[in-house]
Amino acid sequence: MAKKILLVEDEELIINILEKKLKEKGYEVSLSRNGKEGLEAMKKEKPDLVLMDIVMPKMNGLETMEAMNNDQELKEIPVIVISNSGEPVEIERVKELGAKDWLIKTEFDPQEIIEKIIKQIGE
């Protein structure tokens, strides 16, 4: 059975690249465009992993991760953060909130994302 990945991202270009690459690799992909939608989707779909942006409308990635940490069911879902910023203070914060890994949007290679996902949940 295909592993489920929830992509919580509001940038079309990133959505298109990631969705295509993840589906090519056989993952089931669902999409939320902000943290609020992402939380609802997590509760409903129980994804194996969440790829999450930090800067989003309605509820940002940090707020979303805080909400996940307060929910027994959601706090076990591994999160890989995709961020525009590589600021050490931001990376430190997402690690404190439980992110398993992170990528910088300007530097990422879709293959690198696949490797990070496999490291967290297998193929």
PDB file of N, CA and C in Angstrom:
ATOM      1  N   MET A   1       0.841  -1.189   0.000  1.00  0.00           N
ATOM      2  CA  MET A   1       0.000   0.000   0.000  1.00  0.00           C
ATOM      3  C   MET A   1       0.888   1.255   0.000  1.00  0.00           C
ATOM      4  N   ALA A   2       0.509   2.236  -0.778  1.00  0.00           N
ATOM      5  CA  ALA A   2       1.310   3.458  -0.902  1.00  0.00           C
ATOM      6  C   ALA A   2       1.306   4.247   0.400  1.00  0.00           C
ATOM      7  N   LYS A   3       2.468   4.817   0.739  1.00  0.00           N
ATOM      8  CA  LYS A   3       2.564   5.688   1.912  1.00  0.00           C
ATOM      9  C   LYS A   3       1.923   7.026   1.556  1.00  0.00           C
ATOM     10  N   LYS A   4       1.251   7.614   2.553  1.00  0.00           N
ATOM     11  CA  LYS A   4       0.549   8.880   2.329  1.00  0.00           C
ATOM     12  C   LYS A   4       1.393  10.054   2.808  1.00  0.00           C
ATOM     13  N   ILE A   5       1.536  11.024   1.929  1.00  0.00           N
ATOM     14  CA  ILE A   5       2.271  12.246   2.285  1.00  0.00           C
ATOM     15  C   ILE A   5       1.335  13.433   2.112  1.00  0.00           C
ATOM     16  N   LEU A   6       1.282  14.250   3.150  1.00  0.00           N
ATOM     17  CA  LEU A   6       0.496  15.478   3.090  1.00  0.00           C
ATOM     18  C   LEU A   6       1.464  16.629   2.839  1.00  0.00           C
ATOM     19  N   LEU A   7       1.207  17.369   1.778  1.00  0.00           N
ATOM     20  CA  LEU A   7       2.019  18.528   1.423  1.00  0.00           C
ATOM     21  C   LEU A   7       1.258  19.772   1.883  1.00  0.00           C
ATOM     22  N   VAL A   8       1.822  20.505   2.829  1.00  0.00           N
ATOM     23  CA  VAL A   8       1.198  21.729   3.337  1.00  0.00           C
ATOM     24  C   VAL A   8       2.044  22.889   2.824  1.00  0.00           C
ATOM     25  N   GLU A   9       1.583  23.492   1.735  1.00  0.00           N
ATOM     26  CA  GLU A   9       2.399  24.461   0.982  1.00  0.00           C
ATOM     27  C   GLU A   9       1.473  25.375   0.202  1.00  0.00           C
ATOM     28  N   ASP A  10       1.847  26.649   0.052  1.00  0.00           N
ATOM     29  CA  ASP A  10       0.992  27.572  -0.693  1.00  0.00           C
ATOM     30  C   ASP A  10       1.632  28.095  -1.979  1.00  0.00           C
ATOM     31  N   GLU A  11       2.844  27.688  -2.286  1.00  0.00           N
ATOM     32  CA  GLU A  11       3.525  28.156  -3.494  1.00  0.00           C
ATOM     33  C   GLU A  11       3.317  27.166  -4.636  1.00  0.00           C
ATOM     34  N   GLU A  12       2.633  27.619  -5.686  1.00  0.00           N
ATOM     35  CA  GLU A  12       2.282  26.730  -6.807  1.00  0.00           C
ATOM     36  C   GLU A  12       3.471  25.987  -7.402  1.00  0.00           C
ATOM     37  N   LEU A  13       4.567  26.692  -7.626  1.00  0.00           N
ATOM     38  CA  LEU A  13       5.735  26.074  -8.256  1.00  0.00           C
ATOM     39  C   LEU A  13       6.243  24.892  -7.419  1.00  0.00           C
ATOM     40  N   ILE A  14       6.364  25.110  -6.130  1.00  0.00           N
ATOM     41  CA  ILE A  14       6.839  24.056  -5.223  1.00  0.00           C
ATOM     42  C   ILE A  14       5.835  22.899  -5.196  1.00  0.00           C
ATOM     43  N   ILE A  15       4.552  23.240  -5.129  1.00  0.00           N
ATOM     44  CA  ILE A  15       3.499  22.213  -5.131  1.00  0.00           C
ATOM     45  C   ILE A  15       3.640  21.338  -6.369  1.00  0.00           C
ATOM     46  N   ASN A  16       3.747  21.963  -7.532  1.00  0.00           N
ATOM     47  CA  ASN A  16       3.821  21.207  -8.789  1.00  0.00           C
ATOM     48  C   ASN A  16       5.038  20.292  -8.841  1.00  0.00           C
ATOM     49  N   ILE A  17       6.192  20.811  -8.459  1.00  0.00           N
ATOM     50  CA  ILE A  17       7.428  20.016  -8.492  1.00  0.00           C
ATOM     51  C   ILE A  17       7.325  18.833  -7.540  1.00  0.00           C
ATOM     52  N   LEU A  18       6.928  19.104  -6.298  1.00  0.00           N
ATOM     53  CA  LEU A  18       6.892  18.049  -5.291  1.00  0.00           C
ATOM     54  C   LEU A  18       5.817  17.008  -5.573  1.00  0.00           C
ATOM     55  N   GLU A  19       4.642  17.478  -5.955  1.00  0.00           N
ATOM     56  CA  GLU A  19       3.547  16.548  -6.217  1.00  0.00           C
ATOM     57  C   GLU A  19       3.932  15.566  -7.320  1.00  0.00           C
ATOM     58  N   LYS A  20       4.521  16.097  -8.381  1.00  0.00           N
ATOM     59  CA  LYS A  20       4.938  15.254  -9.513  1.00  0.00           C
ATOM     60  C   LYS A  20       5.992  14.235  -9.068  1.00  0.00           C
ATOM     61  N   LYS A  21       7.013  14.699  -8.368  1.00  0.00           N
ATOM     62  CA  LYS A  21       8.109  13.827  -7.939  1.00  0.00           C
ATOM     63  C   LYS A  21       7.618  12.749  -6.966  1.00  0.00           C
ATOM     64  N   LEU A  22       6.775  13.126  -6.025  1.00  0.00           N
ATOM     65  CA  LEU A  22       6.277  12.171  -5.030  1.00  0.00           C
ATOM     66  C   LEU A  22       5.384  11.112  -5.673  1.00  0.00           C
ATOM     67  N   LYS A  23       4.532  11.542  -6.594  1.00  0.00           N
ATOM     68  CA  LYS A  23       3.652  10.580  -7.273  1.00  0.00           C
ATOM     69  C   LYS A  23       4.468   9.629  -8.152  1.00  0.00           C
ATOM     70  N   GLU A  24       5.503  10.171  -8.806  1.00  0.00           N
ATOM     71  CA  GLU A  24       6.407   9.330  -9.617  1.00  0.00           C
ATOM     72  C   GLU A  24       7.014   8.219  -8.766  1.00  0.00           C
ATOM     73  N   LYS A  25       7.312   8.534  -7.512  1.00  0.00           N
ATOM     74  CA  LYS A  25       7.944   7.570  -6.612  1.00  0.00           C
ATOM     75  C   LYS A  25       6.921   6.655  -5.940  1.00  0.00           C
ATOM     76  N   GLY A  26       5.650   6.815  -6.294  1.00  0.00           N
ATOM     77  CA  GLY A  26       4.628   5.900  -5.803  1.00  0.00           C
ATOM     78  C   GLY A  26       3.955   6.311  -4.500  1.00  0.00           C
ATOM     79  N   TYR A  27       4.187   7.532  -4.050  1.00  0.00           N
ATOM     80  CA  TYR A  27       3.514   7.993  -2.832  1.00  0.00           C
ATOM     81  C   TYR A  27       2.127   8.521  -3.183  1.00  0.00           C
ATOM     82  N   GLU A  28       1.214   8.392  -2.223  1.00  0.00           N
ATOM     83  CA  GLU A  28      -0.108   8.998  -2.344  1.00  0.00           C
ATOM     84  C   GLU A  28       0.038  10.402  -1.773  1.00  0.00           C
ATOM     85  N   VAL A  29      -0.338  11.429  -2.550  1.00  0.00           N
ATOM     86  CA  VAL A  29      -0.099  12.806  -2.121  1.00  0.00           C
ATOM     87  C   VAL A  29      -1.414  13.558  -1.958  1.00  0.00           C
ATOM     88  N   SER A  30      -1.553  14.240  -0.825  1.00  0.00           N
ATOM     89  CA  SER A  30      -2.680  15.149  -0.678  1.00  0.00           C
ATOM     90  C   SER A  30      -2.102  16.529  -0.372  1.00  0.00           C
ATOM     91  N   LEU A  31      -2.915  17.546  -0.576  1.00  0.00           N
ATOM     92  CA  LEU A  31      -2.421  18.915  -0.534  1.00  0.00           C
ATOM     93  C   LEU A  31      -3.300  19.804   0.336  1.00  0.00           C
ATOM     94  N   SER A  32      -2.665  20.622   1.145  1.00  0.00           N
ATOM     95  CA  SER A  32      -3.344  21.680   1.891  1.00  0.00           C
ATOM     96  C   SER A  32      -2.543  22.945   1.642  1.00  0.00           C
ATOM     97  N   ARG A  33      -3.246  24.064   1.512  1.00  0.00           N
ATOM     98  CA  ARG A  33      -2.558  25.312   1.164  1.00  0.00           C
ATOM     99  C   ARG A  33      -2.292  26.229   2.353  1.00  0.00           C
ATOM    100  N   ASN A  34      -2.676  25.807   3.553  1.00  0.00           N
ATOM    101  CA  ASN A  34      -2.322  26.561   4.757  1.00  0.00           C
ATOM    102  C   ASN A  34      -2.369  25.615   5.945  1.00  0.00           C
ATOM    103  N   GLY A  35      -1.859  26.080   7.075  1.00  0.00           N
ATOM    104  CA  GLY A  35      -1.749  25.225   8.251  1.00  0.00           C
ATOM    105  C   GLY A  35      -3.088  24.761   8.802  1.00  0.00           C
ATOM    106  N   LYS A  36      -4.092  25.630   8.724  1.00  0.00           N
ATOM    107  CA  LYS A  36      -5.418  25.271   9.236  1.00  0.00           C
ATOM    108  C   LYS A  36      -5.975  24.086   8.444  1.00  0.00           C
ATOM    109  N   GLU A  37      -5.929  24.196   7.114  1.00  0.00           N
ATOM    110  CA  GLU A  37      -6.374  23.081   6.252  1.00  0.00           C
ATOM    111  C   GLU A  37      -5.512  21.843   6.516  1.00  0.00           C
ATOM    112  N   GLY A  38      -4.218  22.071   6.722  1.00  0.00           N
ATOM    113  CA  GLY A  38      -3.295  20.968   6.959  1.00  0.00           C
ATOM    114  C   GLY A  38      -3.671  20.166   8.186  1.00  0.00           C
ATOM    115  N   LEU A  39      -4.012  20.854   9.277  1.00  0.00           N
ATOM    116  CA  LEU A  39      -4.412  20.154  10.505  1.00  0.00           C
ATOM    117  C   LEU A  39      -5.669  19.326  10.285  1.00  0.00           C
ATOM    118  N   GLU A  40      -6.638  19.916   9.574  1.00  0.00           N
ATOM    119  CA  GLU A  40      -7.882  19.183   9.287  1.00  0.00           C
ATOM    120  C   GLU A  40      -7.580  17.942   8.462  1.00  0.00           C
ATOM    121  N   ALA A  41      -6.708  18.105   7.459  1.00  0.00           N
ATOM    122  CA  ALA A  41      -6.350  16.971   6.593  1.00  0.00           C
ATOM    123  C   ALA A  41      -5.618  15.887   7.381  1.00  0.00           C
ATOM    124  N   MET A  42      -4.748  16.294   8.307  1.00  0.00           N
ATOM    125  CA  MET A  42      -4.012  15.312   9.117  1.00  0.00           C
ATOM    126  C   MET A  42      -4.970  14.464   9.942  1.00  0.00           C
ATOM    127  N   LYS A  43      -5.964  15.114  10.533  1.00  0.00           N
ATOM    128  CA  LYS A  43      -6.929  14.396  11.365  1.00  0.00           C
ATOM    129  C   LYS A  43      -7.740  13.411  10.529  1.00  0.00           C
ATOM    130  N   LYS A  44      -8.094  13.844   9.325  1.00  0.00           N
ATOM    131  CA  LYS A  44      -8.944  13.029   8.459  1.00  0.00           C
ATOM    132  C   LYS A  44      -8.154  11.916   7.762  1.00  0.00           C
ATOM    133  N   GLU A  45      -6.986  12.263   7.243  1.00  0.00           N
ATOM    134  CA  GLU A  45      -6.252  11.330   6.365  1.00  0.00           C
ATOM    135  C   GLU A  45      -5.169  10.512   7.058  1.00  0.00           C
ATOM    136  N   LYS A  46      -4.729  10.929   8.234  1.00  0.00           N
ATOM    137  CA  LYS A  46      -3.664  10.220   8.950  1.00  0.00           C
ATOM    138  C   LYS A  46      -2.462   9.924   8.033  1.00  0.00           C
ATOM    139  N   PRO A  47      -1.797  10.979   7.525  1.00  0.00           N
ATOM    140  CA  PRO A  47      -0.659  10.746   6.621  1.00  0.00           C
ATOM    141  C   PRO A  47       0.519  10.093   7.341  1.00  0.00           C
ATOM    142  N   ASP A  48       1.377   9.445   6.564  1.00  0.00           N
ATOM    143  CA  ASP A  48       2.587   8.837   7.127  1.00  0.00           C
ATOM    144  C   ASP A  48       3.648   9.896   7.391  1.00  0.00           C
ATOM    145  N   LEU A  49       3.578  11.019   6.642  1.00  0.00           N
ATOM    146  CA  LEU A  49       4.570  12.083   6.770  1.00  0.00           C
ATOM    147  C   LEU A  49       3.966  13.384   6.267  1.00  0.00           C
ATOM    148  N   VAL A  50       4.408  14.506   6.826  1.00  0.00           N
ATOM    149  CA  VAL A  50       3.957  15.829   6.387  1.00  0.00           C
ATOM    150  C   VAL A  50       5.169  16.618   5.898  1.00  0.00           C
ATOM    151  N   LEU A  51       5.052  17.182   4.702  1.00  0.00           N
ATOM    152  CA  LEU A  51       6.034  18.141   4.183  1.00  0.00           C
ATOM    153  C   LEU A  51       5.392  19.509   4.389  1.00  0.00           C
ATOM    154  N   MET A  52       6.025  20.396   5.167  1.00  0.00           N
ATOM    155  CA  MET A  52       5.351  21.632   5.530  1.00  0.00           C
ATOM    156  C   MET A  52       6.193  22.875   5.329  1.00  0.00           C
ATOM    157  N   ASP A  53       5.566  23.860   4.712  1.00  0.00           N
ATOM    158  CA  ASP A  53       6.151  25.188   4.567  1.00  0.00           C
ATOM    159  C   ASP A  53       6.010  25.908   5.913  1.00  0.00           C
ATOM    160  N   ILE A  54       6.799  26.950   6.114  1.00  0.00           N
ATOM    161  CA  ILE A  54       6.680  27.750   7.335  1.00  0.00           C
ATOM    162  C   ILE A  54       5.784  28.964   7.096  1.00  0.00           C
ATOM    163  N   VAL A  55       6.047  29.707   6.019  1.00  0.00           N
ATOM    164  CA  VAL A  55       5.306  30.940   5.764  1.00  0.00           C
ATOM    165  C   VAL A  55       4.089  30.620   4.897  1.00  0.00           C
ATOM    166  N   MET A  56       2.905  30.674   5.528  1.00  0.00           N
ATOM    167  CA  MET A  56       1.653  30.384   4.829  1.00  0.00           C
ATOM    168  C   MET A  56       0.552  31.271   5.389  1.00  0.00           C
ATOM    169  N   PRO A  57      -0.525  31.447   4.611  1.00  0.00           N
ATOM    170  CA  PRO A  57      -1.660  32.230   5.114  1.00  0.00           C
ATOM    171  C   PRO A  57      -2.434  31.459   6.194  1.00  0.00           C
ATOM    172  N   LYS A  58      -3.263  32.163   6.928  1.00  0.00           N
ATOM    173  CA  LYS A  58      -4.173  31.642   7.966  1.00  0.00           C
ATOM    174  C   LYS A  58      -3.469  31.072   9.185  1.00  0.00           C
ATOM    175  N   MET A  59      -2.553  30.133   8.978  1.00  0.00           N
ATOM    176  CA  MET A  59      -1.839  29.527  10.101  1.00  0.00           C
ATOM    177  C   MET A  59      -0.494  29.083   9.564  1.00  0.00           C
ATOM    178  N   ASN A  60       0.602  29.625  10.112  1.00  0.00           N
ATOM    179  CA  ASN A  60       1.909  29.284   9.557  1.00  0.00           C
ATOM    180  C   ASN A  60       2.385  27.911  10.050  1.00  0.00           C
ATOM    181  N   GLY A  61       3.510  27.474   9.527  1.00  0.00           N
ATOM    182  CA  GLY A  61       4.016  26.148   9.850  1.00  0.00           C
ATOM    183  C   GLY A  61       4.383  25.972  11.316  1.00  0.00           C
ATOM    184  N   LEU A  62       4.910  27.021  11.940  1.00  0.00           N
ATOM    185  CA  LEU A  62       5.265  26.925  13.362  1.00  0.00           C
ATOM    186  C   LEU A  62       4.013  26.748  14.212  1.00  0.00           C
ATOM    187  N   GLU A  63       2.980  27.540  13.914  1.00  0.00           N
ATOM    188  CA  GLU A  63       1.708  27.418  14.652  1.00  0.00           C
ATOM    189  C   GLU A  63       1.093  26.033  14.428  1.00  0.00           C
ATOM    190  N   THR A  64       1.208  25.546  13.199  1.00  0.00           N
ATOM    191  CA  THR A  64       0.659  24.230  12.869  1.00  0.00           C
ATOM    192  C   THR A  64       1.385  23.140  13.651  1.00  0.00           C
ATOM    193  N   MET A  65       2.705  23.236  13.717  1.00  0.00           N
ATOM    194  CA  MET A  65       3.474  22.240  14.470  1.00  0.00           C
ATOM    195  C   MET A  65       3.166  22.312  15.969  1.00  0.00           C
ATOM    196  N   GLU A  66       2.942  23.526  16.486  1.00  0.00           N
ATOM    197  CA  GLU A  66       2.563  23.658  17.896  1.00  0.00           C
ATOM    198  C   GLU A  66       1.234  22.952  18.143  1.00  0.00           C
ATOM    199  N   ALA A  67       0.274  23.154  17.231  1.00  0.00           N
ATOM    200  CA  ALA A  67      -1.037  22.501  17.358  1.00  0.00           C
ATOM    201  C   ALA A  67      -0.884  20.979  17.263  1.00  0.00           C
ATOM    202  N   MET A  68      -0.016  20.511  16.378  1.00  0.00           N
ATOM    203  CA  MET A  68       0.219  19.070  16.255  1.00  0.00           C
ATOM    204  C   MET A  68       0.756  18.502  17.570  1.00  0.00           C
ATOM    205  N   ASN A  69       1.674  19.231  18.197  1.00  0.00           N
ATOM    206  CA  ASN A  69       2.284  18.772  19.450  1.00  0.00           C
ATOM    207  C   ASN A  69       1.275  18.667  20.584  1.00  0.00           C
ATOM    208  N   ASN A  70       0.167  19.412  20.483  1.00  0.00           N
ATOM    209  CA  ASN A  70      -0.864  19.381  21.513  1.00  0.00           C
ATOM    210  C   ASN A  70      -1.931  18.334  21.238  1.00  0.00           C
ATOM    211  N   ASP A  71      -1.756  17.569  20.182  1.00  0.00           N
ATOM    212  CA  ASP A  71      -2.740  16.557  19.794  1.00  0.00           C
ATOM    213  C   ASP A  71      -2.071  15.183  19.812  1.00  0.00           C
ATOM    214  N   GLN A  72      -2.556  14.295  20.669  1.00  0.00           N
ATOM    215  CA  GLN A  72      -1.953  12.968  20.832  1.00  0.00           C
ATOM    216  C   GLN A  72      -1.805  12.218  19.510  1.00  0.00           C
ATOM    217  N   GLU A  73      -2.813  12.290  18.660  1.00  0.00           N
ATOM    218  CA  GLU A  73      -2.775  11.557  17.389  1.00  0.00           C
ATOM    219  C   GLU A  73      -1.777  12.170  16.407  1.00  0.00           C
ATOM    220  N   LEU A  74      -1.742  13.491  16.365  1.00  0.00           N
ATOM    221  CA  LEU A  74      -0.947  14.170  15.337  1.00  0.00           C
ATOM    222  C   LEU A  74       0.526  14.314  15.687  1.00  0.00           C
ATOM    223  N   LYS A  75       0.853  14.313  16.978  1.00  0.00           N
ATOM    224  CA  LYS A  75       2.236  14.622  17.331  1.00  0.00           C
ATOM    225  C   LYS A  75       3.220  13.537  16.928  1.00  0.00           C
ATOM    226  N   GLU A  76       2.726  12.356  16.587  1.00  0.00           N
ATOM    227  CA  GLU A  76       3.607  11.265  16.166  1.00  0.00           C
ATOM    228  C   GLU A  76       3.935  11.309  14.669  1.00  0.00           C
ATOM    229  N   ILE A  77       3.228  12.143  13.906  1.00  0.00           N
ATOM    230  CA  ILE A  77       3.453  12.202  12.453  1.00  0.00           C
ATOM    231  C   ILE A  77       4.768  12.942  12.187  1.00  0.00           C
ATOM    232  N   PRO A  78       5.709  12.300  11.464  1.00  0.00           N
ATOM    233  CA  PRO A  78       6.967  13.004  11.167  1.00  0.00           C
ATOM    234  C   PRO A  78       6.738  14.192  10.223  1.00  0.00           C
ATOM    235  N   VAL A  79       7.445  15.283  10.499  1.00  0.00           N
ATOM    236  CA  VAL A  79       7.336  16.505   9.687  1.00  0.00           C
ATOM    237  C   VAL A  79       8.708  16.845   9.114  1.00  0.00           C
ATOM    238  N   ILE A  80       8.728  17.121   7.809  1.00  0.00           N
ATOM    239  CA  ILE A  80       9.907  17.691   7.167  1.00  0.00           C
ATOM    240  C   ILE A  80       9.509  19.099   6.741  1.00  0.00           C
ATOM    241  N   VAL A  81      10.254  20.077   7.210  1.00  0.00           N
ATOM    242  CA  VAL A  81       9.946  21.481   6.926  1.00  0.00           C
ATOM    243  C   VAL A  81      10.631  21.912   5.635  1.00  0.00           C
ATOM    244  N   ILE A  82       9.878  22.659   4.813  1.00  0.00           N
ATOM    245  CA  ILE A  82      10.418  23.259   3.595  1.00  0.00           C
ATOM    246  C   ILE A  82      10.337  24.763   3.826  1.00  0.00           C
ATOM    247  N   SER A  83      11.473  25.432   3.815  1.00  0.00           N
ATOM    248  CA  SER A  83      11.476  26.836   4.198  1.00  0.00           C
ATOM    249  C   SER A  83      12.257  27.689   3.203  1.00  0.00           C
ATOM    250  N   ASN A  84      11.879  28.954   3.118  1.00  0.00           N
ATOM    251  CA  ASN A  84      12.648  29.903   2.313  1.00  0.00           C
ATOM    252  C   ASN A  84      13.884  30.361   3.066  1.00  0.00           C
ATOM    253  N   SER A  85      13.836  30.230   4.370  1.00  0.00           N
ATOM    254  CA  SER A  85      14.904  30.752   5.205  1.00  0.00           C
ATOM    255  C   SER A  85      15.763  29.616   5.728  1.00  0.00           C
ATOM    256  N   GLY A  86      17.039  29.825   5.767  1.00  0.00           N
ATOM    257  CA  GLY A  86      17.913  28.829   6.371  1.00  0.00           C
ATOM    258  C   GLY A  86      18.467  29.365   7.669  1.00  0.00           C
ATOM    259  N   GLU A  87      17.760  30.361   8.233  1.00  0.00           N
ATOM    260  CA  GLU A  87      18.235  31.008   9.453  1.00  0.00           C
ATOM    261  C   GLU A  87      18.387  29.999  10.586  1.00  0.00           C
ATOM    262  N   PRO A  88      19.553  29.966  11.230  1.00  0.00           N
ATOM    263  CA  PRO A  88      19.758  29.017  12.335  1.00  0.00           C
ATOM    264  C   PRO A  88      18.671  29.100  13.409  1.00  0.00           C
ATOM    265  N   VAL A  89      18.178  30.323  13.696  1.00  0.00           N
ATOM    266  CA  VAL A  89      17.159  30.478  14.739  1.00  0.00           C
ATOM    267  C   VAL A  89      15.857  29.789  14.307  1.00  0.00           C
ATOM    268  N   GLU A  90      15.519  29.869  13.037  1.00  0.00           N
ATOM    269  CA  GLU A  90      14.303  29.207  12.547  1.00  0.00           C
ATOM    270  C   GLU A  90      14.481  27.685  12.561  1.00  0.00           C
ATOM    271  N   ILE A  91      15.634  27.219  12.120  1.00  0.00           N
ATOM    272  CA  ILE A  91      15.906  25.781  12.099  1.00  0.00           C
ATOM    273  C   ILE A  91      15.863  25.238  13.531  1.00  0.00           C
ATOM    274  N   GLU A  92      16.422  25.982  14.456  1.00  0.00           N
ATOM    275  CA  GLU A  92      16.403  25.574  15.871  1.00  0.00           C
ATOM    276  C   GLU A  92      14.961  25.458  16.365  1.00  0.00           C
ATOM    277  N   ARG A  93      14.133  26.418  15.983  1.00  0.00           N
ATOM    278  CA  ARG A  93      12.724  26.429  16.421  1.00  0.00           C
ATOM    279  C   ARG A  93      11.970  25.223  15.846  1.00  0.00           C
ATOM    280  N   VAL A  94      12.147  24.925  14.577  1.00  0.00           N
ATOM    281  CA  VAL A  94      11.403  23.786  14.003  1.00  0.00           C
ATOM    282  C   VAL A  94      11.891  22.471  14.616  1.00  0.00           C
ATOM    283  N   LYS A  95      13.165  22.403  14.958  1.00  0.00           N
ATOM    284  CA  LYS A  95      13.673  21.195  15.629  1.00  0.00           C
ATOM    285  C   LYS A  95      13.055  21.061  17.023  1.00  0.00           C
ATOM    286  N   GLU A  96      12.948  22.185  17.733  1.00  0.00           N
ATOM    287  CA  GLU A  96      12.303  22.166  19.057  1.00  0.00           C
ATOM    288  C   GLU A  96      10.864  21.680  18.951  1.00  0.00           C
ATOM    289  N   LEU A  97      10.198  22.056  17.866  1.00  0.00           N
ATOM    290  CA  LEU A  97       8.799  21.670  17.670  1.00  0.00           C
ATOM    291  C   LEU A  97       8.667  20.237  17.140  1.00  0.00           C
ATOM    292  N   GLY A  98       9.799  19.593  16.885  1.00  0.00           N
ATOM    293  CA  GLY A  98       9.740  18.181  16.512  1.00  0.00           C
ATOM    294  C   GLY A  98       9.975  17.854  15.048  1.00  0.00           C
ATOM    295  N   ALA A  99      10.333  18.848  14.232  1.00  0.00           N
ATOM    296  CA  ALA A  99      10.601  18.536  12.821  1.00  0.00           C
ATOM    297  C   ALA A  99      11.742  17.532  12.736  1.00  0.00           C
ATOM    298  N   LYS A 100      11.590  16.547  11.875  1.00  0.00           N
ATOM    299  CA  LYS A 100      12.604  15.507  11.717  1.00  0.00           C
ATOM    300  C   LYS A 100      13.736  15.964  10.799  1.00  0.00           C
ATOM    301  N   ASP A 101      13.405  16.891   9.899  1.00  0.00           N
ATOM    302  CA  ASP A 101      14.398  17.354   8.931  1.00  0.00           C
ATOM    303  C   ASP A 101      13.866  18.627   8.293  1.00  0.00           C
ATOM    304  N   TRP A 102      14.677  19.286   7.465  1.00  0.00           N
ATOM    305  CA  TRP A 102      14.237  20.493   6.780  1.00  0.00           C
ATOM    306  C   TRP A 102      15.010  20.649   5.486  1.00  0.00           C
ATOM    307  N   LEU A 103      14.432  21.467   4.609  1.00  0.00           N
ATOM    308  CA  LEU A 103      15.039  21.790   3.318  1.00  0.00           C
ATOM    309  C   LEU A 103      14.877  23.276   3.080  1.00  0.00           C
ATOM    310  N   ILE A 104      15.831  23.860   2.396  1.00  0.00           N
ATOM    311  CA  ILE A 104      15.750  25.266   2.011  1.00  0.00           C
ATOM    312  C   ILE A 104      15.243  25.299   0.563  1.00  0.00           C
ATOM    313  N   LYS A 105      14.147  26.016   0.328  1.00  0.00           N
ATOM    314  CA  LYS A 105      13.514  26.027  -1.001  1.00  0.00           C
ATOM    315  C   LYS A 105      14.469  26.398  -2.126  1.00  0.00           C
ATOM    316  N   THR A 106      15.309  27.390  -1.891  1.00  0.00           N
ATOM    317  CA  THR A 106      16.182  27.862  -2.966  1.00  0.00           C
ATOM    318  C   THR A 106      17.270  26.861  -3.311  1.00  0.00           C
ATOM    319  N   GLU A 107      17.522  25.914  -2.408  1.00  0.00           N
ATOM    320  CA  GLU A 107      18.638  24.984  -2.625  1.00  0.00           C
ATOM    321  C   GLU A 107      18.196  23.549  -2.856  1.00  0.00           C
ATOM    322  N   PHE A 108      16.895  23.253  -2.691  1.00  0.00           N
ATOM    323  CA  PHE A 108      16.551  21.845  -2.685  1.00  0.00           C
ATOM    324  C   PHE A 108      16.510  21.221  -4.063  1.00  0.00           C
ATOM    325  N   ASP A 109      16.764  19.944  -4.056  1.00  0.00           N
ATOM    326  CA  ASP A 109      16.712  19.121  -5.239  1.00  0.00           C
ATOM    327  C   ASP A 109      15.622  18.092  -4.925  1.00  0.00           C
ATOM    328  N   PRO A 110      14.655  17.888  -5.839  1.00  0.00           N
ATOM    329  CA  PRO A 110      13.564  16.954  -5.530  1.00  0.00           C
ATOM    330  C   PRO A 110      14.053  15.568  -5.096  1.00  0.00           C
ATOM    331  N   GLN A 111      15.180  15.132  -5.619  1.00  0.00           N
ATOM    332  CA  GLN A 111      15.712  13.823  -5.218  1.00  0.00           C
ATOM    333  C   GLN A 111      16.118  13.823  -3.742  1.00  0.00           C
ATOM    334  N   GLU A 112      16.605  14.959  -3.278  1.00  0.00           N
ATOM    335  CA  GLU A 112      17.004  15.081  -1.873  1.00  0.00           C
ATOM    336  C   GLU A 112      15.784  14.904  -0.967  1.00  0.00           C
ATOM    337  N   ILE A 113      14.645  15.442  -1.391  1.00  0.00           N
ATOM    338  CA  ILE A 113      13.414  15.291  -0.610  1.00  0.00           C
ATOM    339  C   ILE A 113      13.038  13.821  -0.512  1.00  0.00           C
ATOM    340  N   ILE A 114      13.134  13.105  -1.630  1.00  0.00           N
ATOM    341  CA  ILE A 114      12.805  11.672  -1.631  1.00  0.00           C
ATOM    342  C   ILE A 114      13.722  10.942  -0.647  1.00  0.00           C
ATOM    343  N   GLU A 115      14.996  11.254  -0.663  1.00  0.00           N
ATOM    344  CA  GLU A 115      15.938  10.602   0.258  1.00  0.00           C
ATOM    345  C   GLU A 115      15.579  10.890   1.715  1.00  0.00           C
ATOM    346  N   LYS A 116      15.189  12.126   2.014  1.00  0.00           N
ATOM    347  CA  LYS A 116      14.819  12.487   3.383  1.00  0.00           C
ATOM    348  C   LYS A 116      13.531  11.771   3.807  1.00  0.00           C
ATOM    349  N   ILE A 117      12.597  11.630   2.875  1.00  0.00           N
ATOM    350  CA  ILE A 117      11.340  10.922   3.174  1.00  0.00           C
ATOM    351  C   ILE A 117      11.630   9.452   3.457  1.00  0.00           C
ATOM    352  N   ILE A 118      12.428   8.837   2.607  1.00  0.00           N
ATOM    353  CA  ILE A 118      12.767   7.420   2.783  1.00  0.00           C
ATOM    354  C   ILE A 118      13.450   7.200   4.137  1.00  0.00           C
ATOM    355  N   LYS A 119      14.297   8.143   4.520  1.00  0.00           N
ATOM    356  CA  LYS A 119      14.995   8.040   5.807  1.00  0.00           C
ATOM    357  C   LYS A 119      13.978   8.029   6.972  1.00  0.00           C
ATOM    358  N   GLN A 120      12.874   8.764   6.805  1.00  0.00           N
ATOM    359  CA  GLN A 120      11.870   8.850   7.876  1.00  0.00           C
ATOM    360  C   GLN A 120      10.852   7.712   7.860  1.00  0.00           C
ATOM    361  N   ILE A 121      10.350   7.354   6.680  1.00  0.00           N
ATOM    362  CA  ILE A 121       9.234   6.388   6.641  1.00  0.00           C
ATOM    363  C   ILE A 121       9.462   5.196   5.731  1.00  0.00           C
ATOM    364  N   GLY A 122      10.637   5.090   5.126  1.00  0.00           N
ATOM    365  CA  GLY A 122      10.894   3.993   4.203  1.00  0.00           C
ATOM    366  C   GLY A 122      10.244   4.272   2.850  1.00  0.00           C
ATOM    367  N   GLU A 123      10.268   3.266   1.982  1.00  0.00           N
ATOM    368  CA  GLU A 123       9.746   3.485   0.623  1.00  0.00           C
ATOM    369  C   GLU A 123       8.300   3.077   0.504  1.00  0.00           C
TER     370      GLU A 123
END
